[in-house]
Amino acid sequence: MGRARYNTHLENNMRLLRLDPDIDKGWYAGPWNSDLPISIGYANTGIDLPHLHRQITEIYLIAHGTAELAIDNQTLTVSAGDMILVQPGEAHTFLSSSPDYLHFVLHVPGLPEEAARADKVFLQDNSLHGL
């Protein structure tokens, strides 16, 4: 997992962060590099890794392309302009995505790195693939 690159030549403490197109998933900002109460990231592919979060709500903003994802007992197809809200305890994964896919993701609350990792529970049974 990567981090967005900073452009540090901006005025007034403004930060411009750019995604790294060579990394499938990365993070722009969160408690590790700012005072934000949320974490903000991106993915340029739908990553198939079934999991849930104990306390984090995930908000996906689909910027480009299409993807199919499973949330608990539903399979959804999303496209540019859609928003998906995944509540704590809801199992979810991406099943597929188009080559031009890009989404932004918000974690609410934003947790420090180790706490965010501990909040994520990976599912071993692939039960979301049977939808």
C-alpha atoms as a PDB file:
ATOM      1  CA  MET A   1       0.000   0.000   0.000  1.00  0.00           C
ATOM      2  CA  GLY A   2       1.390   3.351  -0.964  1.00  0.00           C
ATOM      3  CA  ARG A   3       1.217   6.956   0.004  1.00  0.00           C
ATOM      4  CA  ALA A   4       0.301   9.830  -2.271  1.00  0.00           C
ATOM      5  CA  ARG A   5       3.191  12.072  -3.235  1.00  0.00           C
ATOM      6  CA  TYR A   6       3.374  15.604  -1.838  1.00  0.00           C
ATOM      7  CA  ASN A   7       3.977  18.711  -3.890  1.00  0.00           C
ATOM      8  CA  THR A   8       5.552  20.929  -1.247  1.00  0.00           C
ATOM      9  CA  HIS A   9       5.899  24.102  -3.353  1.00  0.00           C
ATOM     10  CA  LEU A  10       2.516  25.567  -2.471  1.00  0.00           C
ATOM     11  CA  GLU A  11       1.759  28.690  -0.481  1.00  0.00           C
ATOM     12  CA  ASN A  12      -0.056  29.076   2.862  1.00  0.00           C
ATOM     13  CA  ASN A  13       0.702  25.546   4.120  1.00  0.00           C
ATOM     14  CA  MET A  14      -1.568  24.112   1.416  1.00  0.00           C
ATOM     15  CA  ARG A  15      -0.727  20.544   0.392  1.00  0.00           C
ATOM     16  CA  LEU A  16      -1.295  18.985  -2.994  1.00  0.00           C
ATOM     17  CA  LEU A  17      -1.124  15.207  -3.002  1.00  0.00           C
ATOM     18  CA  ARG A  18      -1.044  13.115  -6.161  1.00  0.00           C
ATOM     19  CA  LEU A  19      -1.883   9.445  -6.418  1.00  0.00           C
ATOM     20  CA  ASP A  20       0.785   7.109  -7.684  1.00  0.00           C
ATOM     21  CA  PRO A  21      -0.675   5.347 -10.774  1.00  0.00           C
ATOM     22  CA  ASP A  22       1.820   2.494 -10.321  1.00  0.00           C
ATOM     23  CA  ILE A  23       0.347   1.569  -6.914  1.00  0.00           C
ATOM     24  CA  ASP A  24      -3.101  -0.071  -6.768  1.00  0.00           C
ATOM     25  CA  LYS A  25      -4.053   1.509  -3.453  1.00  0.00           C
ATOM     26  CA  GLY A  26      -2.762   4.377  -1.344  1.00  0.00           C
ATOM     27  CA  TRP A  27      -3.510   6.995   1.267  1.00  0.00           C
ATOM     28  CA  TYR A  28      -3.443  10.762   0.993  1.00  0.00           C
ATOM     29  CA  ALA A  29      -3.993  11.977   4.533  1.00  0.00           C
ATOM     30  CA  GLY A  30      -5.081  10.867   7.978  1.00  0.00           C
ATOM     31  CA  PRO A  31      -4.003  10.959  11.605  1.00  0.00           C
ATOM     32  CA  TRP A  32      -0.453   9.893  10.645  1.00  0.00           C
ATOM     33  CA  ASN A  33       0.272  13.113   8.682  1.00  0.00           C
ATOM     34  CA  SER A  34      -2.411  15.656   9.608  1.00  0.00           C
ATOM     35  CA  ASP A  35      -4.944  16.761  12.204  1.00  0.00           C
ATOM     36  CA  LEU A  36      -7.832  15.370  10.136  1.00  0.00           C
ATOM     37  CA  PRO A  37     -10.407  13.245  12.006  1.00  0.00           C
ATOM     38  CA  ILE A  38     -10.777  11.044   8.887  1.00  0.00           C
ATOM     39  CA  SER A  39      -8.455   9.116   6.564  1.00  0.00           C
ATOM     40  CA  ILE A  40      -8.585   9.745   2.805  1.00  0.00           C
ATOM     41  CA  GLY A  41      -7.298   7.239   0.275  1.00  0.00           C
ATOM     42  CA  TYR A  42      -7.706   5.912  -3.261  1.00  0.00           C
ATOM     43  CA  ALA A  43      -7.613   2.742  -5.318  1.00  0.00           C
ATOM     44  CA  ASN A  44      -7.223   2.446  -9.076  1.00  0.00           C
ATOM     45  CA  THR A  45      -8.503  -1.106  -9.095  1.00  0.00           C
ATOM     46  CA  GLY A  46     -11.147  -2.972  -7.136  1.00  0.00           C
ATOM     47  CA  ILE A  47      -9.182  -5.169  -4.737  1.00  0.00           C
ATOM     48  CA  ASP A  48     -10.717  -8.549  -3.882  1.00  0.00           C
ATOM     49  CA  LEU A  49      -9.924  -8.960  -0.197  1.00  0.00           C
ATOM     50  CA  PRO A  50     -13.056  -9.828   1.827  1.00  0.00           C
ATOM     51  CA  HIS A  51     -13.066  -8.036   5.175  1.00  0.00           C
ATOM     52  CA  LEU A  52     -15.030  -5.938   7.642  1.00  0.00           C
ATOM     53  CA  HIS A  53     -14.171  -3.152  10.053  1.00  0.00           C
ATOM     54  CA  ARG A  54     -15.084  -3.142  13.726  1.00  0.00           C
ATOM     55  CA  GLN A  55     -15.495   0.624  14.116  1.00  0.00           C
ATOM     56  CA  ILE A  56     -14.564   2.337  10.830  1.00  0.00           C
ATOM     57  CA  THR A  57     -17.269   3.427   8.397  1.00  0.00           C
ATOM     58  CA  GLU A  58     -15.974   3.387   4.810  1.00  0.00           C
ATOM     59  CA  ILE A  59     -17.314   5.812   2.228  1.00  0.00           C
ATOM     60  CA  TYR A  60     -16.398   5.035  -1.383  1.00  0.00           C
ATOM     61  CA  LEU A  61     -16.697   7.770  -4.013  1.00  0.00           C
ATOM     62  CA  ILE A  62     -16.494   6.292  -7.512  1.00  0.00           C
ATOM     63  CA  ALA A  63     -14.605   8.715  -9.746  1.00  0.00           C
ATOM     64  CA  HIS A  64     -14.098   6.728 -12.939  1.00  0.00           C
ATOM     65  CA  GLY A  65     -15.005   3.389 -14.487  1.00  0.00           C
ATOM     66  CA  THR A  66     -17.188   0.641 -13.055  1.00  0.00           C
ATOM     67  CA  ALA A  67     -16.834  -2.082 -10.434  1.00  0.00           C
ATOM     68  CA  GLU A  68     -18.795  -4.926  -8.922  1.00  0.00           C
ATOM     69  CA  LEU A  69     -18.648  -5.361  -5.176  1.00  0.00           C
ATOM     70  CA  ALA A  70     -20.274  -7.503  -2.542  1.00  0.00           C
ATOM     71  CA  ILE A  71     -21.539  -6.082   0.742  1.00  0.00           C
ATOM     72  CA  ASP A  72     -22.965  -8.664   3.132  1.00  0.00           C
ATOM     73  CA  ASN A  73     -25.654 -10.441   1.072  1.00  0.00           C
ATOM     74  CA  GLN A  74     -25.812  -8.076  -1.906  1.00  0.00           C
ATOM     75  CA  THR A  75     -23.810  -7.677  -5.097  1.00  0.00           C
ATOM     76  CA  LEU A  76     -23.718  -4.136  -6.469  1.00  0.00           C
ATOM     77  CA  THR A  77     -22.468  -2.611  -9.688  1.00  0.00           C
ATOM     78  CA  VAL A  78     -21.148   0.920  -9.260  1.00  0.00           C
ATOM     79  CA  SER A  79     -20.027   3.542 -11.741  1.00  0.00           C
ATOM     80  CA  ALA A  80     -18.601   7.063 -11.832  1.00  0.00           C
ATOM     81  CA  GLY A  81     -20.597   9.409  -9.626  1.00  0.00           C
ATOM     82  CA  ASP A  82     -21.823   6.700  -7.228  1.00  0.00           C
ATOM     83  CA  MET A  83     -21.163   6.650  -3.496  1.00  0.00           C
ATOM     84  CA  ILE A  84     -21.181   3.530  -1.335  1.00  0.00           C
ATOM     85  CA  LEU A  85     -21.497   3.668   2.455  1.00  0.00           C
ATOM     86  CA  VAL A  86     -20.187   0.580   4.291  1.00  0.00           C
ATOM     87  CA  GLN A  87     -21.023   0.531   7.991  1.00  0.00           C
ATOM     88  CA  PRO A  88     -18.880  -1.122  10.695  1.00  0.00           C
ATOM     89  CA  GLY A  89     -19.486  -4.880  10.767  1.00  0.00           C
ATOM     90  CA  GLU A  90     -20.586  -5.108   7.106  1.00  0.00           C
ATOM     91  CA  ALA A  91     -18.462  -7.649   5.227  1.00  0.00           C
ATOM     92  CA  HIS A  92     -17.368  -6.361   1.836  1.00  0.00           C
ATOM     93  CA  THR A  93     -15.009  -6.860  -1.088  1.00  0.00           C
ATOM     94  CA  PHE A  94     -14.584  -5.830  -4.704  1.00  0.00           C
ATOM     95  CA  LEU A  95     -15.268  -8.637  -7.177  1.00  0.00           C
ATOM     96  CA  SER A  96     -14.138  -6.909 -10.379  1.00  0.00           C
ATOM     97  CA  SER A  97     -13.398  -3.487 -11.861  1.00  0.00           C
ATOM     98  CA  SER A  98     -12.918  -1.942 -15.285  1.00  0.00           C
ATOM     99  CA  PRO A  99      -9.372  -1.096 -16.479  1.00  0.00           C
ATOM    100  CA  ASP A 100     -10.094   2.640 -16.062  1.00  0.00           C
ATOM    101  CA  TYR A 101     -11.468   2.308 -12.521  1.00  0.00           C
ATOM    102  CA  LEU A 102     -10.693   4.824  -9.749  1.00  0.00           C
ATOM    103  CA  HIS A 103     -12.349   5.418  -6.382  1.00  0.00           C
ATOM    104  CA  PHE A 104     -11.627   7.568  -3.381  1.00  0.00           C
ATOM    105  CA  VAL A 105     -12.283   6.205   0.105  1.00  0.00           C
ATOM    106  CA  LEU A 106     -12.895   7.942   3.425  1.00  0.00           C
ATOM    107  CA  HIS A 107     -12.431   6.177   6.760  1.00  0.00           C
ATOM    108  CA  VAL A 108     -14.558   7.643   9.534  1.00  0.00           C
ATOM    109  CA  PRO A 109     -13.158   7.878  12.099  1.00  0.00           C
ATOM    110  CA  GLY A 110      -9.619   8.111  10.826  1.00  0.00           C
ATOM    111  CA  LEU A 111      -7.415   5.935  13.008  1.00  0.00           C
ATOM    112  CA  PRO A 112      -3.640   5.872  13.380  1.00  0.00           C
ATOM    113  CA  GLU A 113      -2.037   3.226  11.166  1.00  0.00           C
ATOM    114  CA  GLU A 114      -1.719   0.414  13.718  1.00  0.00           C
ATOM    115  CA  ALA A 115      -5.241   0.992  15.077  1.00  0.00           C
ATOM    116  CA  ALA A 116      -6.655   0.973  11.528  1.00  0.00           C
ATOM    117  CA  ARG A 117      -4.907  -2.329  10.780  1.00  0.00           C
ATOM    118  CA  ALA A 118      -6.269  -3.829  14.006  1.00  0.00           C
ATOM    119  CA  ASP A 119      -9.786  -2.629  13.133  1.00  0.00           C
ATOM    120  CA  LYS A 120      -9.800  -4.623   9.863  1.00  0.00           C
ATOM    121  CA  VAL A 121     -10.966  -8.241  10.131  1.00  0.00           C
ATOM    122  CA  PHE A 122     -10.136 -10.439   7.136  1.00  0.00           C
ATOM    123  CA  LEU A 123     -12.676 -13.108   6.158  1.00  0.00           C
ATOM    124  CA  GLN A 124     -11.222 -16.505   5.331  1.00  0.00           C
ATOM    125  CA  ASP A 125     -14.292 -18.313   4.031  1.00  0.00           C
ATOM    126  CA  ASN A 126     -14.836 -16.276   0.828  1.00  0.00           C
ATOM    127  CA  SER A 127     -18.555 -16.254   1.664  1.00  0.00           C
ATOM    128  CA  LEU A 128     -18.983 -13.003  -0.253  1.00  0.00           C
ATOM    129  CA  HIS A 129     -18.016 -14.700  -3.526  1.00  0.00           C
ATOM    130  CA  GLY A 130     -21.098 -16.898  -3.533  1.00  0.00           C
ATOM    131  CA  LEU A 131     -23.529 -14.021  -4.089  1.00  0.00           C
END
